[in-house]
Amino acid sequence: MKLVSAVFLTLMFTLTSFGAQSHGLISTTAKVEVRPNNLVELQVQFDFIALLNHRSKDYQLPVVATLSPEKYGLLYQAVTKLFDQHLEVSVGGAPVKLNRRYPSRDQMFEVTKRQFIESSFSGVDSTPYTFSDRRFYQRFFFDFKVSSREDINKLVVSFPKELGGIYVSFVQPVSKEVHSGEPWKLR
């Protein structure tokens, strides 16, 4: 009986410590970055567990992190299919063909497992890794080319609604070559 109680208490302690897994920005983020030669890169960073639970709370981190690779693969396929079907980019109303670069199932699974381990051993009072701790967010990458810089002003990105609110950053870099020993300055 004492063994059953000890196992139960250990399990309950483990399951109740998951609320401390994020300390900073917790929304999905997207970064649209214009590169030389009219290349546009799009990066979407999202919490995999939150995305799975957009309609319910059926997918808890301890359960998802301990799935077999095959069962995790079904979740992976569902999420990549969601992005394939509902992430749309257009320029002036015309759809743009995206190059899609998803992490592999195993890469995503490793991030989920690390999130589970970290959340199991960190407490509510633990010091945040950073105030924008996104170590356990999944990252999907996309890119495409526009025909001219003017097309950037006509760019529209539609995200899957299941991601919820998204904080989008638009970056148009200012590039400058810095020679050996020379400091970099913005202007």
C-alpha atoms as a PDB file:
ATOM      1  CA  MET A   1       0.000   0.000   0.000  1.00  0.00           C
ATOM      2  CA  LYS A   2       2.850   2.387   0.837  1.00  0.00           C
ATOM      3  CA  LEU A   3       4.428   1.652  -2.543  1.00  0.00           C
ATOM      4  CA  VAL A   4       1.171   2.472  -4.352  1.00  0.00           C
ATOM      5  CA  SER A   5       0.862   5.727  -2.377  1.00  0.00           C
ATOM      6  CA  ALA A   6       4.462   6.676  -3.144  1.00  0.00           C
ATOM      7  CA  VAL A   7       4.003   5.984  -6.857  1.00  0.00           C
ATOM      8  CA  PHE A   8       0.732   7.953  -6.877  1.00  0.00           C
ATOM      9  CA  LEU A   9       2.316  10.952  -5.099  1.00  0.00           C
ATOM     10  CA  THR A  10       5.309  10.888  -7.437  1.00  0.00           C
ATOM     11  CA  LEU A  11       3.014  10.792 -10.449  1.00  0.00           C
ATOM     12  CA  MET A  12       0.883  13.659  -9.117  1.00  0.00           C
ATOM     13  CA  PHE A  13       3.984  15.763  -8.350  1.00  0.00           C
ATOM     14  CA  THR A  14       5.272  15.181 -11.862  1.00  0.00           C
ATOM     15  CA  LEU A  15       1.961  16.047 -13.507  1.00  0.00           C
ATOM     16  CA  THR A  16       1.410  19.239 -11.517  1.00  0.00           C
ATOM     17  CA  SER A  17       4.762  20.824 -12.342  1.00  0.00           C
ATOM     18  CA  PHE A  18       3.976  21.438 -16.006  1.00  0.00           C
ATOM     19  CA  GLY A  19       2.569  24.936 -15.530  1.00  0.00           C
ATOM     20  CA  ALA A  20       6.059  26.398 -15.233  1.00  0.00           C
ATOM     21  CA  GLN A  21       7.244  25.553 -18.702  1.00  0.00           C
ATOM     22  CA  SER A  22       7.174  29.055 -20.167  1.00  0.00           C
ATOM     23  CA  HIS A  23       8.147  32.365 -18.670  1.00  0.00           C
ATOM     24  CA  GLY A  24       8.127  34.833 -21.529  1.00  0.00           C
ATOM     25  CA  LEU A  25       6.328  35.431 -24.790  1.00  0.00           C
ATOM     26  CA  ILE A  26       3.877  32.561 -25.166  1.00  0.00           C
ATOM     27  CA  SER A  27       2.068  33.381 -28.385  1.00  0.00           C
ATOM     28  CA  THR A  28       2.856  32.016 -31.795  1.00  0.00           C
ATOM     29  CA  THR A  29       5.275  34.227 -33.687  1.00  0.00           C
ATOM     30  CA  ALA A  30       6.036  34.698 -37.342  1.00  0.00           C
ATOM     31  CA  LYS A  31       8.914  36.552 -38.926  1.00  0.00           C
ATOM     32  CA  VAL A  32       8.745  37.743 -42.516  1.00  0.00           C
ATOM     33  CA  GLU A  33      12.216  38.693 -43.699  1.00  0.00           C
ATOM     34  CA  VAL A  34      13.133  40.208 -47.042  1.00  0.00           C
ATOM     35  CA  ARG A  35      16.548  39.082 -48.268  1.00  0.00           C
ATOM     36  CA  PRO A  36      18.666  40.164 -51.232  1.00  0.00           C
ATOM     37  CA  ASN A  37      17.444  39.217 -54.720  1.00  0.00           C
ATOM     38  CA  ASN A  38      13.793  39.561 -53.605  1.00  0.00           C
ATOM     39  CA  LEU A  39      13.879  36.366 -51.572  1.00  0.00           C
ATOM     40  CA  VAL A  40      11.325  36.374 -48.751  1.00  0.00           C
ATOM     41  CA  GLU A  41      11.753  34.020 -45.804  1.00  0.00           C
ATOM     42  CA  LEU A  42       8.935  33.201 -43.416  1.00  0.00           C
ATOM     43  CA  GLN A  43       9.527  31.509 -40.083  1.00  0.00           C
ATOM     44  CA  VAL A  44       6.622  30.393 -37.882  1.00  0.00           C
ATOM     45  CA  GLN A  45       7.362  29.465 -34.260  1.00  0.00           C
ATOM     46  CA  PHE A  46       4.600  27.787 -32.272  1.00  0.00           C
ATOM     47  CA  ASP A  47       3.887  25.691 -29.208  1.00  0.00           C
ATOM     48  CA  PHE A  48       3.117  22.207 -30.540  1.00  0.00           C
ATOM     49  CA  ILE A  49       1.067  21.160 -27.498  1.00  0.00           C
ATOM     50  CA  ALA A  50      -0.991  24.381 -27.576  1.00  0.00           C
ATOM     51  CA  LEU A  51      -1.682  23.839 -31.283  1.00  0.00           C
ATOM     52  CA  LEU A  52      -2.807  20.269 -30.659  1.00  0.00           C
ATOM     53  CA  ASN A  53      -5.130  21.568 -27.926  1.00  0.00           C
ATOM     54  CA  HIS A  54      -6.695  24.421 -29.920  1.00  0.00           C
ATOM     55  CA  ARG A  55     -10.144  22.827 -29.530  1.00  0.00           C
ATOM     56  CA  SER A  56      -9.718  20.696 -26.418  1.00  0.00           C
ATOM     57  CA  LYS A  57      -7.231  19.753 -23.741  1.00  0.00           C
ATOM     58  CA  ASP A  58      -6.862  16.146 -24.883  1.00  0.00           C
ATOM     59  CA  TYR A  59      -3.122  16.322 -25.617  1.00  0.00           C
ATOM     60  CA  GLN A  60      -1.117  16.735 -22.426  1.00  0.00           C
ATOM     61  CA  LEU A  61       2.661  17.119 -22.653  1.00  0.00           C
ATOM     62  CA  PRO A  62       3.506  13.970 -20.627  1.00  0.00           C
ATOM     63  CA  VAL A  63       1.314  11.855 -22.884  1.00  0.00           C
ATOM     64  CA  VAL A  64       2.549  13.323 -26.178  1.00  0.00           C
ATOM     65  CA  ALA A  65       6.226  13.167 -25.118  1.00  0.00           C
ATOM     66  CA  THR A  66       5.950   9.480 -24.279  1.00  0.00           C
ATOM     67  CA  LEU A  67       4.128   8.336 -27.410  1.00  0.00           C
ATOM     68  CA  SER A  68       5.769   5.842 -29.711  1.00  0.00           C
ATOM     69  CA  PRO A  69       7.508   7.464 -32.685  1.00  0.00           C
ATOM     70  CA  GLU A  70       4.809   6.035 -34.954  1.00  0.00           C
ATOM     71  CA  LYS A  71       1.941   7.584 -32.960  1.00  0.00           C
ATOM     72  CA  TYR A  72       3.820  10.875 -32.639  1.00  0.00           C
ATOM     73  CA  GLY A  73       4.224  10.699 -36.411  1.00  0.00           C
ATOM     74  CA  LEU A  74       0.448  10.825 -36.823  1.00  0.00           C
ATOM     75  CA  LEU A  75       0.357  14.122 -34.893  1.00  0.00           C
ATOM     76  CA  TYR A  76       3.301  15.390 -36.936  1.00  0.00           C
ATOM     77  CA  GLN A  77       1.489  14.539 -40.178  1.00  0.00           C
ATOM     78  CA  ALA A  78      -1.669  16.301 -38.999  1.00  0.00           C
ATOM     79  CA  VAL A  79       0.235  19.495 -38.164  1.00  0.00           C
ATOM     80  CA  THR A  80       2.239  19.583 -41.396  1.00  0.00           C
ATOM     81  CA  LYS A  81      -0.976  18.929 -43.333  1.00  0.00           C
ATOM     82  CA  LEU A  82      -2.590  21.859 -41.492  1.00  0.00           C
ATOM     83  CA  PHE A  83       0.230  24.148 -42.661  1.00  0.00           C
ATOM     84  CA  ASP A  84       0.164  22.698 -46.185  1.00  0.00           C
ATOM     85  CA  GLN A  85      -3.560  23.390 -46.500  1.00  0.00           C
ATOM     86  CA  HIS A  86      -4.008  26.621 -44.550  1.00  0.00           C
ATOM     87  CA  LEU A  87      -0.801  28.671 -44.704  1.00  0.00           C
ATOM     88  CA  GLU A  88      -1.328  30.817 -47.766  1.00  0.00           C
ATOM     89  CA  VAL A  89       0.805  33.577 -49.213  1.00  0.00           C
ATOM     90  CA  SER A  90      -0.262  35.896 -51.992  1.00  0.00           C
ATOM     91  CA  VAL A  91       1.148  38.944 -53.736  1.00  0.00           C
ATOM     92  CA  GLY A  92      -1.436  41.295 -55.203  1.00  0.00           C
ATOM     93  CA  GLY A  93      -4.086  38.588 -54.851  1.00  0.00           C
ATOM     94  CA  ALA A  94      -2.089  35.968 -56.793  1.00  0.00           C
ATOM     95  CA  PRO A  95      -1.057  32.877 -54.795  1.00  0.00           C
ATOM     96  CA  VAL A  96       2.656  32.309 -54.280  1.00  0.00           C
ATOM     97  CA  LYS A  97       4.286  28.876 -54.451  1.00  0.00           C
ATOM     98  CA  LEU A  98       6.070  28.274 -51.155  1.00  0.00           C
ATOM     99  CA  ASN A  99       9.170  26.230 -50.531  1.00  0.00           C
ATOM    100  CA  ARG A 100       8.329  24.469 -47.262  1.00  0.00           C
ATOM    101  CA  ARG A 101      11.036  23.324 -44.858  1.00  0.00           C
ATOM    102  CA  TYR A 102       9.607  21.380 -41.946  1.00  0.00           C
ATOM    103  CA  PRO A 103      11.734  19.694 -39.319  1.00  0.00           C
ATOM    104  CA  SER A 104      11.588  15.920 -39.470  1.00  0.00           C
ATOM    105  CA  ARG A 105       9.248  13.968 -37.228  1.00  0.00           C
ATOM    106  CA  ASP A 106      12.230  12.901 -35.118  1.00  0.00           C
ATOM    107  CA  GLN A 107      13.512  16.479 -34.758  1.00  0.00           C
ATOM    108  CA  MET A 108      10.100  17.672 -33.567  1.00  0.00           C
ATOM    109  CA  PHE A 109       9.788  14.693 -31.234  1.00  0.00           C
ATOM    110  CA  GLU A 110      13.165  15.505 -29.633  1.00  0.00           C
ATOM    111  CA  VAL A 111      12.021  19.071 -28.909  1.00  0.00           C
ATOM    112  CA  THR A 112       8.814  17.737 -27.323  1.00  0.00           C
ATOM    113  CA  LYS A 113      10.754  15.246 -25.191  1.00  0.00           C
ATOM    114  CA  ARG A 114      13.206  17.955 -24.027  1.00  0.00           C
ATOM    115  CA  GLN A 115      10.248  20.168 -23.120  1.00  0.00           C
ATOM    116  CA  PHE A 116       8.790  17.340 -21.035  1.00  0.00           C
ATOM    117  CA  ILE A 117      12.090  16.676 -19.244  1.00  0.00           C
ATOM    118  CA  GLU A 118      12.691  20.382 -18.558  1.00  0.00           C
ATOM    119  CA  SER A 119       9.174  20.923 -17.255  1.00  0.00           C
ATOM    120  CA  SER A 120       9.476  17.854 -15.031  1.00  0.00           C
ATOM    121  CA  PHE A 121      12.537  19.214 -13.258  1.00  0.00           C
ATOM    122  CA  SER A 122      11.865  22.957 -13.138  1.00  0.00           C
ATOM    123  CA  GLY A 123       9.651  24.451 -10.501  1.00  0.00           C
ATOM    124  CA  VAL A 124       7.383  27.471 -10.462  1.00  0.00           C
ATOM    125  CA  ASP A 125      10.141  29.561  -8.857  1.00  0.00           C
ATOM    126  CA  SER A 126      12.859  28.513 -11.294  1.00  0.00           C
ATOM    127  CA  THR A 127      14.807  31.252 -13.012  1.00  0.00           C
ATOM    128  CA  PRO A 128      13.673  31.728 -16.615  1.00  0.00           C
ATOM    129  CA  TYR A 129      16.111  30.687 -19.324  1.00  0.00           C
ATOM    130  CA  THR A 130      15.321  34.050 -20.928  1.00  0.00           C
ATOM    131  CA  PHE A 131      12.276  36.281 -20.813  1.00  0.00           C
ATOM    132  CA  SER A 132      11.507  35.170 -24.348  1.00  0.00           C
ATOM    133  CA  ASP A 133      12.046  31.471 -23.762  1.00  0.00           C
ATOM    134  CA  ARG A 134      11.137  29.728 -27.002  1.00  0.00           C
ATOM    135  CA  ARG A 135      13.443  26.709 -26.751  1.00  0.00           C
ATOM    136  CA  PHE A 136      10.527  24.313 -26.957  1.00  0.00           C
ATOM    137  CA  TYR A 137       8.614  25.995 -29.759  1.00  0.00           C
ATOM    138  CA  GLN A 138       8.574  24.218 -33.084  1.00  0.00           C
ATOM    139  CA  ARG A 139       9.914  26.137 -36.088  1.00  0.00           C
ATOM    140  CA  PHE A 140       8.605  25.820 -39.612  1.00  0.00           C
ATOM    141  CA  PHE A 141      10.370  27.640 -42.450  1.00  0.00           C
ATOM    142  CA  PHE A 142       9.087  28.805 -45.812  1.00  0.00           C
ATOM    143  CA  ASP A 143      10.554  30.917 -48.588  1.00  0.00           C
ATOM    144  CA  PHE A 144       9.598  32.327 -51.951  1.00  0.00           C
ATOM    145  CA  LYS A 145      10.668  34.992 -54.408  1.00  0.00           C
ATOM    146  CA  VAL A 146       8.832  38.107 -55.476  1.00  0.00           C
ATOM    147  CA  SER A 147       9.464  39.694 -58.852  1.00  0.00           C
ATOM    148  CA  SER A 148      10.217  43.174 -57.490  1.00  0.00           C
ATOM    149  CA  ARG A 149      10.665  45.090 -54.249  1.00  0.00           C
ATOM    150  CA  GLU A 150       7.353  46.840 -54.921  1.00  0.00           C
ATOM    151  CA  ASP A 151       5.598  43.474 -54.589  1.00  0.00           C
ATOM    152  CA  ILE A 152       6.529  43.402 -50.908  1.00  0.00           C
ATOM    153  CA  ASN A 153       3.844  46.041 -50.274  1.00  0.00           C
ATOM    154  CA  LYS A 154       1.230  43.693 -51.789  1.00  0.00           C
ATOM    155  CA  LEU A 155       2.267  40.694 -49.686  1.00  0.00           C
ATOM    156  CA  VAL A 156      -0.474  38.921 -47.687  1.00  0.00           C
ATOM    157  CA  VAL A 157       0.126  35.919 -45.416  1.00  0.00           C
ATOM    158  CA  SER A 158      -2.834  33.921 -44.085  1.00  0.00           C
ATOM    159  CA  PHE A 159      -2.016  31.618 -41.179  1.00  0.00           C
ATOM    160  CA  PRO A 160      -3.924  28.551 -40.000  1.00  0.00           C
ATOM    161  CA  LYS A 161      -6.583  29.839 -37.568  1.00  0.00           C
ATOM    162  CA  GLU A 162      -5.737  26.975 -35.212  1.00  0.00           C
ATOM    163  CA  LEU A 163      -2.519  28.824 -34.304  1.00  0.00           C
ATOM    164  CA  GLY A 164      -4.563  31.475 -32.496  1.00  0.00           C
ATOM    165  CA  GLY A 165      -3.179  34.990 -32.206  1.00  0.00           C
ATOM    166  CA  ILE A 166       0.166  35.499 -33.925  1.00  0.00           C
ATOM    167  CA  TYR A 167       2.791  38.152 -33.274  1.00  0.00           C
ATOM    168  CA  VAL A 168       4.211  38.954 -36.734  1.00  0.00           C
ATOM    169  CA  SER A 169       7.508  40.780 -37.312  1.00  0.00           C
ATOM    170  CA  PHE A 170       8.468  42.183 -40.694  1.00  0.00           C
ATOM    171  CA  VAL A 171      12.202  42.594 -41.229  1.00  0.00           C
ATOM    172  CA  GLN A 172      13.897  44.379 -44.090  1.00  0.00           C
ATOM    173  CA  PRO A 173      17.585  44.115 -43.248  1.00  0.00           C
ATOM    174  CA  VAL A 174      20.109  46.830 -43.794  1.00  0.00           C
ATOM    175  CA  SER A 175      23.190  44.994 -45.016  1.00  0.00           C
ATOM    176  CA  LYS A 176      26.741  46.231 -44.783  1.00  0.00           C
ATOM    177  CA  GLU A 177      30.044  44.450 -45.230  1.00  0.00           C
ATOM    178  CA  VAL A 178      32.319  44.785 -42.203  1.00  0.00           C
ATOM    179  CA  HIS A 179      36.033  44.368 -42.882  1.00  0.00           C
ATOM    180  CA  SER A 180      38.455  42.653 -40.519  1.00  0.00           C
ATOM    181  CA  GLY A 181      38.909  44.675 -37.322  1.00  0.00           C
ATOM    182  CA  GLU A 182      36.224  47.198 -38.293  1.00  0.00           C
ATOM    183  CA  PRO A 183      33.246  47.677 -35.927  1.00  0.00           C
ATOM    184  CA  TRP A 184      29.705  47.427 -37.252  1.00  0.00           C
ATOM    185  CA  LYS A 185      27.416  50.498 -36.958  1.00  0.00           C
ATOM    186  CA  LEU A 186      23.840  50.846 -38.128  1.00  0.00           C
ATOM    187  CA  ARG A 187      24.501  53.969 -40.178  1.00  0.00           C
END
